[in-house]
Protein backbone atom coordinates (compact mmCIF):
# COMPACT_ATOMS: atom_id res chain seq x y z
CA UNK A 1 -145.86 -45.21 -44.69
CA UNK A 2 -149.44 -45.28 -45.74
CA UNK A 3 -152.06 -46.29 -44.16
CA UNK A 4 -152.87 -49.48 -46.02
CA UNK A 5 -148.45 -50.63 -45.09
CA UNK A 6 -149.10 -49.40 -41.66
CA UNK A 7 -152.75 -51.71 -41.11
CA UNK A 8 -150.57 -55.05 -42.66
CA UNK A 9 -147.93 -53.75 -40.15
CA UNK A 10 -150.27 -54.53 -37.42
CA UNK A 11 -151.89 -57.77 -38.53
CA UNK A 12 -148.34 -59.13 -38.80
CA UNK A 13 -147.29 -58.17 -34.84
CA UNK A 14 -150.90 -58.96 -34.05
CA UNK A 15 -150.17 -62.74 -35.67
CA UNK A 16 -146.46 -62.49 -34.30
CA UNK A 17 -144.88 -62.25 -37.80
CA UNK A 18 -142.68 -59.35 -37.97
CA UNK A 19 -142.34 -56.03 -39.17
CA UNK A 20 -141.00 -53.28 -39.66
CA UNK A 21 -141.42 -50.03 -37.32
CA UNK A 22 -144.18 -48.29 -37.12
CA UNK A 23 -142.51 -44.47 -37.14
CA UNK A 24 -144.96 -42.39 -38.55
CA UNK A 25 -147.99 -40.32 -37.77
CA UNK A 26 -151.45 -42.84 -37.66
CA UNK A 27 -154.98 -41.70 -39.03
CA UNK A 28 -156.18 -44.22 -35.81
CA UNK A 29 -159.76 -44.06 -37.99
CA UNK A 30 -157.96 -45.67 -40.71
CA UNK A 31 -157.27 -48.50 -39.40
CA UNK A 32 -159.76 -48.66 -37.41
CA UNK A 33 -162.49 -48.87 -39.61
CA UNK A 34 -159.85 -51.14 -42.20
CA UNK A 35 -159.66 -53.21 -39.06
CA UNK A 36 -163.82 -53.47 -39.13
CA UNK A 37 -164.04 -54.13 -42.82
CA UNK A 38 -161.73 -57.49 -42.91
CA UNK A 39 -162.60 -58.69 -39.16
CA UNK A 40 -159.66 -57.80 -37.83
CA UNK A 41 -160.10 -55.55 -34.96
CA UNK A 42 -158.79 -57.83 -32.07
CA UNK A 43 -155.72 -59.05 -33.71
CA UNK A 44 -155.19 -54.97 -34.67
CA UNK A 45 -155.65 -54.39 -31.48
CA UNK A 46 -152.80 -57.44 -30.73
CA UNK A 47 -150.29 -55.08 -32.62
CA UNK A 48 -151.05 -52.20 -30.98
CA UNK A 49 -149.85 -54.15 -27.91
CA UNK A 50 -146.38 -54.96 -29.68
CA UNK A 51 -146.02 -51.33 -29.88
CA UNK A 52 -144.34 -48.58 -28.14
CA UNK A 53 -146.63 -46.25 -26.27
CA UNK A 54 -145.26 -42.96 -28.23
CA UNK A 55 -146.14 -45.27 -31.38
CA UNK A 56 -150.02 -46.26 -30.41
CA UNK A 57 -153.53 -44.44 -30.38
CA UNK A 58 -154.71 -42.02 -28.17
CA UNK A 59 -155.71 -43.55 -25.07
CA UNK A 60 -159.86 -42.78 -25.45
CA UNK A 61 -159.17 -44.56 -29.08
CA UNK A 62 -157.61 -47.32 -27.47
CA UNK A 63 -159.63 -47.63 -24.12
CA UNK A 64 -162.37 -47.80 -26.73
CA UNK A 65 -161.05 -50.68 -29.00
CA UNK A 66 -160.45 -52.74 -26.30
CA UNK A 67 -164.01 -52.62 -24.93
CA UNK A 68 -165.27 -53.02 -28.32
CA UNK A 69 -162.64 -56.06 -28.72
CA UNK A 70 -163.72 -57.63 -25.34
CA UNK A 71 -167.94 -57.38 -26.60
CA UNK A 72 -167.40 -58.00 -29.98
CA UNK A 73 -164.73 -61.01 -29.76
CA UNK A 74 -164.44 -62.55 -27.11
CA UNK A 75 -167.56 -62.28 -24.62
CA UNK A 76 -169.12 -63.18 -28.20
CA UNK A 77 -167.03 -66.17 -28.15
CA UNK A 78 -167.31 -67.22 -25.10
CA UNK A 79 -171.65 -67.70 -26.32
CA UNK A 80 -170.26 -69.52 -29.39
CA UNK A 81 -168.68 -72.13 -28.27
CA UNK A 82 -171.53 -72.90 -24.97
CA UNK A 83 -173.90 -72.49 -28.76
CA UNK A 84 -171.77 -75.49 -30.42
CA UNK A 85 -171.45 -77.86 -27.64
CA UNK A 86 -175.04 -77.71 -26.88
CA UNK A 87 -176.25 -78.13 -30.50
CA UNK A 88 -173.67 -80.67 -31.08
CA UNK A 89 -175.03 -82.60 -27.48
CA UNK A 90 -178.52 -82.32 -28.84
CA UNK A 91 -177.63 -84.14 -31.84
CA UNK A 92 -175.14 -86.84 -30.22
CA UNK A 93 -177.80 -87.60 -28.01
CA UNK A 94 -180.04 -88.69 -31.36
CA UNK A 95 -177.65 -90.02 -32.55
CA UNK A 96 -176.72 -87.32 -35.32
CA UNK A 97 -172.40 -86.34 -36.05
CA UNK A 98 -172.39 -82.98 -35.98
CA UNK A 99 -169.40 -81.29 -37.94
CA UNK A 100 -168.87 -77.42 -38.09
CA UNK A 101 -167.14 -75.59 -40.71
CA UNK A 102 -165.26 -72.21 -41.53
CA UNK A 103 -165.82 -70.53 -38.51
CA UNK A 104 -165.61 -72.56 -35.73
CA UNK A 105 -163.73 -75.34 -37.57
CA UNK A 106 -160.59 -71.91 -38.46
CA UNK A 107 -160.84 -70.01 -35.38
CA UNK A 108 -159.32 -73.12 -33.80
CA UNK A 109 -156.47 -73.08 -35.67
CA UNK A 110 -155.32 -68.96 -35.13
CA UNK A 111 -153.28 -68.14 -32.08
CA UNK A 112 -155.99 -66.75 -30.16
CA UNK A 113 -159.14 -68.49 -31.29
CA UNK A 114 -161.41 -65.45 -29.53
CA UNK A 115 -160.12 -62.87 -32.03
CA UNK A 116 -161.32 -64.48 -35.08
CA UNK A 117 -165.10 -63.19 -35.71
CA UNK A 118 -167.61 -65.73 -34.97
CA UNK A 119 -170.81 -64.88 -36.59
CA UNK A 120 -173.03 -68.40 -37.99
CA UNK A 121 -172.77 -72.29 -36.84
CA UNK A 122 -171.92 -73.93 -40.70
CA UNK A 123 -172.45 -77.27 -39.86
CA UNK A 124 -173.24 -80.33 -41.96
CA UNK A 125 -174.91 -83.33 -40.42
CA UNK A 126 -173.14 -86.05 -42.63
CA UNK A 127 -176.47 -86.31 -44.89
CA UNK A 128 -179.00 -86.19 -42.49
CA UNK A 129 -179.93 -82.92 -42.71
CA UNK A 130 -183.16 -83.34 -43.62
CA UNK A 131 -184.72 -86.00 -40.73
CA UNK A 132 -182.95 -83.87 -38.25
CA UNK A 133 -184.33 -80.70 -39.02
CA UNK A 134 -187.64 -82.20 -39.35
CA UNK A 135 -187.44 -84.02 -35.79
CA UNK A 136 -185.81 -80.19 -34.79
CA UNK A 137 -189.05 -79.22 -35.60
CA UNK A 138 -191.12 -81.74 -33.87
CA UNK A 139 -189.80 -81.93 -30.12
CA UNK A 140 -187.99 -78.04 -29.91
CA UNK A 141 -190.30 -76.44 -31.95
CA UNK A 142 -187.98 -74.53 -34.17
CA UNK A 143 -188.14 -72.55 -37.06
CA UNK A 144 -186.54 -73.48 -39.56
CA UNK A 145 -186.63 -72.05 -43.28
CA UNK A 146 -185.84 -73.13 -45.81
CA UNK A 147 -185.26 -70.26 -48.51
CA UNK A 148 -182.28 -71.07 -49.18
CA UNK A 149 -180.60 -73.29 -51.80
CA UNK A 150 -177.93 -75.31 -49.91
CA UNK A 151 -179.02 -74.96 -46.41
CA UNK A 152 -181.69 -74.88 -44.03
CA UNK A 153 -181.65 -72.11 -41.13
CA UNK A 154 -182.39 -71.83 -38.14
CA UNK A 155 -181.71 -70.14 -34.56
CA UNK A 156 -180.05 -71.91 -31.40
CA UNK A 157 -178.57 -70.03 -28.37
CA UNK A 158 -178.29 -66.26 -29.97
CA UNK A 159 -177.04 -67.69 -32.69
CA UNK A 160 -177.87 -68.39 -36.68
CA UNK A 161 -177.43 -72.25 -37.50
CA UNK A 162 -176.72 -73.47 -41.46
CA UNK A 163 -177.72 -76.41 -41.37
CA UNK A 164 -176.38 -77.51 -45.09
CA UNK A 165 -177.60 -80.37 -47.37
CA UNK A 166 -175.40 -79.10 -50.41
CA UNK A 167 -171.05 -77.21 -49.64
CA UNK A 168 -171.74 -75.00 -52.01
CA UNK A 169 -174.61 -73.68 -54.53
CA UNK A 170 -174.79 -75.81 -56.99
CA UNK A 171 -177.46 -73.79 -59.10
CA UNK A 172 -175.62 -70.63 -59.94
CA UNK A 173 -172.46 -72.40 -62.46
CA UNK A 174 -173.10 -75.95 -63.93
CA UNK A 175 -169.85 -76.48 -62.36
CA UNK A 176 -170.12 -76.72 -59.02
CA UNK A 177 -172.18 -79.41 -59.43
CA UNK A 178 -168.92 -82.10 -60.04
CA UNK A 179 -167.17 -80.01 -57.33
CA UNK A 180 -170.42 -80.25 -55.23
CA UNK A 181 -169.39 -84.36 -55.59
CA UNK A 182 -165.66 -83.98 -54.60
CA UNK A 183 -167.06 -82.09 -50.82
CA UNK A 184 -169.49 -84.76 -50.33
CA UNK A 185 -167.27 -87.47 -50.96
CA UNK A 186 -164.66 -85.91 -48.51
CA UNK A 187 -167.22 -85.01 -46.01
CA UNK A 188 -167.69 -89.00 -45.40
CA UNK A 189 -164.44 -88.64 -43.51
CA UNK A 190 -165.31 -88.95 -40.13
CA UNK A 191 -162.32 -88.79 -38.38
CA UNK A 192 -161.35 -86.15 -37.01
CA UNK A 193 -162.72 -83.91 -33.63
CA UNK A 194 -162.72 -81.72 -30.85
CA UNK A 195 -164.56 -81.81 -27.66
CA UNK A 196 -166.40 -78.87 -26.86
CA UNK A 197 -167.29 -78.92 -23.74
CA UNK A 198 -167.24 -82.31 -23.28
CA UNK A 199 -169.72 -82.51 -26.37
CA UNK A 200 -168.44 -84.40 -29.28
CA UNK A 201 -167.91 -81.85 -32.23
CA UNK A 202 -166.63 -83.11 -35.57
CA UNK A 203 -163.83 -81.38 -38.32
CA UNK A 204 -163.30 -81.03 -41.86
CA UNK A 205 -160.57 -84.06 -42.46
CA UNK A 206 -158.00 -81.36 -43.93
CA UNK A 207 -158.83 -82.29 -47.79
CA UNK A 208 -161.88 -81.92 -46.84
CA UNK A 209 -161.40 -78.04 -45.13
CA UNK A 210 -158.46 -77.07 -47.94
CA UNK A 211 -160.73 -77.86 -50.18
CA UNK A 212 -164.00 -76.19 -48.82
CA UNK A 213 -161.76 -73.45 -47.67
CA UNK A 214 -160.23 -72.28 -51.16
CA UNK A 215 -163.98 -72.93 -52.80
CA UNK A 216 -165.83 -70.67 -50.04
CA UNK A 217 -162.93 -68.19 -50.24
CA UNK A 218 -163.12 -68.14 -54.25
CA UNK A 219 -166.89 -67.93 -54.81
CA UNK A 220 -166.94 -64.88 -52.39
CA UNK A 221 -164.07 -63.34 -54.68
CA UNK A 222 -165.76 -63.65 -58.25
CA UNK A 223 -169.13 -62.97 -56.74
CA UNK A 224 -169.30 -60.43 -53.62
CA UNK A 225 -166.08 -59.42 -52.13
CA UNK A 226 -163.19 -61.78 -49.87
CA UNK A 227 -161.86 -60.02 -46.99
CA UNK A 228 -158.26 -60.21 -45.22
CA UNK A 229 -159.89 -62.15 -42.18
CA UNK A 230 -160.73 -65.31 -44.88
CA UNK A 231 -157.55 -65.87 -45.73
CA UNK A 232 -155.85 -65.54 -42.80
CA UNK A 233 -158.61 -68.71 -41.95
CA UNK A 234 -156.64 -70.29 -45.16
CA UNK A 235 -152.80 -69.60 -43.70
CA UNK A 236 -153.46 -70.85 -40.38
CA UNK A 237 -155.19 -74.05 -41.15
CA UNK A 238 -152.17 -74.33 -43.52
CA UNK A 239 -149.72 -73.56 -41.61
CA UNK A 240 -152.06 -76.13 -38.78
CA UNK A 241 -152.42 -79.22 -40.98
CA UNK A 242 -150.42 -78.10 -44.42
CA UNK A 243 -149.05 -81.50 -43.70
CA UNK A 244 -151.53 -84.06 -44.19
CA UNK A 245 -153.45 -82.06 -46.82
CA UNK A 246 -152.89 -84.51 -50.65
CA UNK A 247 -151.85 -81.35 -52.25
CA UNK A 248 -151.67 -83.03 -55.97
CA UNK A 249 -154.42 -84.51 -55.33
CA UNK A 250 -156.35 -80.60 -54.09
CA UNK A 251 -153.92 -78.94 -56.82
CA UNK A 252 -155.27 -81.16 -59.66
CA UNK A 253 -158.70 -80.45 -59.06
CA UNK A 254 -158.18 -76.69 -58.29
CA UNK A 255 -156.37 -77.29 -61.75
CA UNK A 256 -159.13 -78.41 -63.71
CA UNK A 257 -161.56 -76.09 -62.27
CA UNK A 258 -159.66 -73.52 -63.26
CA UNK A 259 -158.78 -71.75 -60.08
CA UNK A 260 -154.89 -72.88 -60.16
CA UNK A 261 -154.24 -69.11 -60.39
CA UNK A 262 -155.88 -67.33 -57.75
CA UNK A 263 -155.31 -70.17 -55.22
CA UNK A 264 -151.03 -69.30 -56.49
CA UNK A 265 -152.27 -65.39 -55.40
CA UNK A 266 -153.63 -65.88 -52.87
CA UNK A 267 -150.62 -67.89 -51.27
CA UNK A 268 -148.32 -65.30 -52.36
CA UNK A 269 -150.48 -62.37 -50.52
CA UNK A 270 -150.53 -65.19 -47.43
CA UNK A 271 -146.64 -64.80 -47.46
CA UNK A 272 -146.04 -61.26 -48.93
CA UNK A 273 -147.64 -59.13 -46.72
CA UNK A 274 -149.22 -60.89 -44.16
CA UNK A 275 -145.51 -62.79 -43.19
CA UNK A 276 -146.18 -66.32 -43.89
CA UNK A 277 -143.39 -68.72 -44.16
CA UNK A 278 -143.28 -69.78 -47.49
CA UNK A 279 -142.20 -72.92 -46.85
CA UNK A 280 -145.14 -73.71 -45.48
CA UNK A 281 -146.67 -74.21 -49.16
CA UNK A 282 -146.40 -76.03 -51.62
CA UNK A 283 -146.61 -73.63 -54.38
CA UNK A 284 -145.72 -70.05 -54.69
CA UNK A 285 -145.78 -69.15 -58.27
CA UNK A 286 -147.85 -66.25 -59.62
CA UNK A 287 -148.26 -63.03 -61.30
CA UNK A 288 -146.71 -60.27 -59.39
CA UNK A 289 -149.61 -58.19 -62.11
CA UNK A 290 -152.17 -60.04 -61.09
CA UNK A 291 -151.60 -60.34 -57.14
CA UNK A 292 -150.86 -56.73 -57.33
CA UNK A 293 -154.89 -56.06 -59.34
CA UNK A 294 -156.20 -59.15 -56.55
CA UNK A 295 -155.40 -57.56 -54.10
CA UNK A 296 -156.46 -54.18 -54.44
CA UNK A 297 -159.43 -55.36 -55.07
CA UNK A 298 -160.31 -57.61 -51.29
CA UNK A 299 -159.07 -53.89 -49.70
CA UNK A 300 -161.06 -51.77 -52.33
CA UNK A 301 -163.37 -53.20 -54.63
CA UNK A 302 -165.02 -51.79 -57.75
CA UNK A 303 -167.89 -52.42 -56.62
CA UNK A 304 -169.32 -51.72 -53.22
CA UNK A 305 -171.33 -54.41 -51.10
CA UNK A 306 -174.19 -52.27 -50.19
CA UNK A 307 -176.94 -54.12 -51.95
CA UNK A 308 -179.95 -51.82 -52.41
CA UNK A 309 -183.19 -52.53 -50.31
CA UNK A 310 -185.45 -52.61 -52.81
CA UNK A 311 -185.71 -55.18 -55.42
CA UNK A 312 -185.69 -53.02 -59.06
CA UNK A 313 -183.00 -50.67 -57.62
CA UNK A 314 -181.52 -54.46 -56.16
CA UNK A 315 -181.57 -55.53 -59.53
CA UNK A 316 -179.27 -53.23 -61.29
CA UNK A 317 -176.94 -53.37 -58.39
CA UNK A 318 -176.30 -56.85 -59.22
CA UNK A 319 -176.28 -56.35 -62.73
CA UNK A 320 -173.11 -53.76 -62.57
CA UNK A 321 -171.55 -56.00 -60.20
CA UNK A 322 -171.77 -59.62 -62.54
CA UNK A 323 -170.65 -56.90 -65.53
CA UNK A 324 -167.52 -55.87 -63.08
CA UNK A 325 -166.36 -58.80 -61.96
CA UNK A 326 -166.00 -60.81 -65.20
CA UNK A 327 -161.69 -60.61 -65.08
CA UNK A 328 -162.72 -62.51 -61.44
CA UNK A 329 -165.44 -65.00 -62.60
CA UNK A 330 -162.62 -66.16 -64.80
CA UNK A 331 -160.12 -66.62 -62.00
CA UNK A 332 -163.02 -68.90 -60.30
CA UNK A 333 -165.12 -70.51 -63.20
CA UNK A 334 -164.57 -71.92 -66.86
CA UNK A 335 -167.97 -71.86 -68.09
CA UNK A 336 -168.72 -68.29 -69.65
CA UNK A 337 -170.64 -65.54 -68.05
CA UNK A 338 -173.29 -65.94 -70.00
CA UNK A 339 -173.95 -69.62 -68.82
CA UNK A 340 -173.42 -68.71 -65.81
CA UNK A 341 -175.60 -66.06 -66.10
CA UNK A 342 -178.84 -67.76 -66.85
CA UNK A 343 -177.97 -70.42 -64.03
CA UNK A 344 -178.48 -68.04 -61.70
CA UNK A 345 -181.65 -66.56 -63.31
CA UNK A 346 -182.63 -69.67 -62.19
CA UNK A 347 -181.32 -70.31 -59.06
CA UNK A 348 -183.20 -67.55 -58.25
CA UNK A 349 -186.82 -68.20 -59.69
CA UNK A 350 -185.94 -71.87 -57.97
CA UNK A 351 -185.74 -69.62 -54.65
CA UNK A 352 -186.75 -65.71 -55.18
CA UNK A 353 -185.85 -64.55 -51.79
CA UNK A 354 -182.84 -65.18 -52.69
CA UNK A 355 -182.91 -62.22 -55.23
């Protein structure tokens, strides 16, 4: 059995799905590197815990893995929740509604939320970002970074917060402005929320979450690279909230913006490679050759995402990546590569730090 197949089997075991037994000798160094790359170290450890003693890694490797999972996932998730609760509490006290996007909103759909890696805290303040940032500076002395295109950035409780005034970057592709208007329309729904340590934290509606997760995954795939954790986010979301999504509405938008083929491939990978039940997804019609190509790119990108630090080498690297990603661009956008190129150049000129 190849390491890739072993890796997928361990993912399936780690999320409670059936998988083939692992009988061959395993290169655990390769498995550990793949797990770290895709943000799935804790999930792979959960899969290893389903194996017989003889099939598990050597004791010293396993202990190191357990320590990493406790430190980088479980302890960090506890701090993550605390920071979210404190930030929401600050906003709630001043009558701002804070919606969490991506990370935390996705994690609560996972079998073990603390085993999903947590990074930044992405928030949406229902259009009140600018005035809330000004108050944050005035009352707390927080330094707010305004050099980004669709969000401001500040630190809170040891985490970087991305405070979105737009859900996506509207400067790098002309079609993104029209897509953004759809996201903002859905972003006015404040009927979904949870309590985190006693504080009210708003969640995206199922329609908004579905649209945003798919658009974000498609953008990442076309521009830099997608990891399997993002596909698990999608699959767990569909499993938890799929019955509340207006699928005809969603798929019509995906067709309109040229994302439907890639969406079908994402669903096919969730079913065929990650072990989710096909009945969860409204449509899994896909091109097998395209699915293999997409999965290969996810596992082994043609252009490694190792961005040079110096400006000129970085520009050259971005040019090569842009050319290599042409086939992916066609799966995500209807406008031409050159239209996107000039939009991107203009976007970088507006925010030079984004180069």
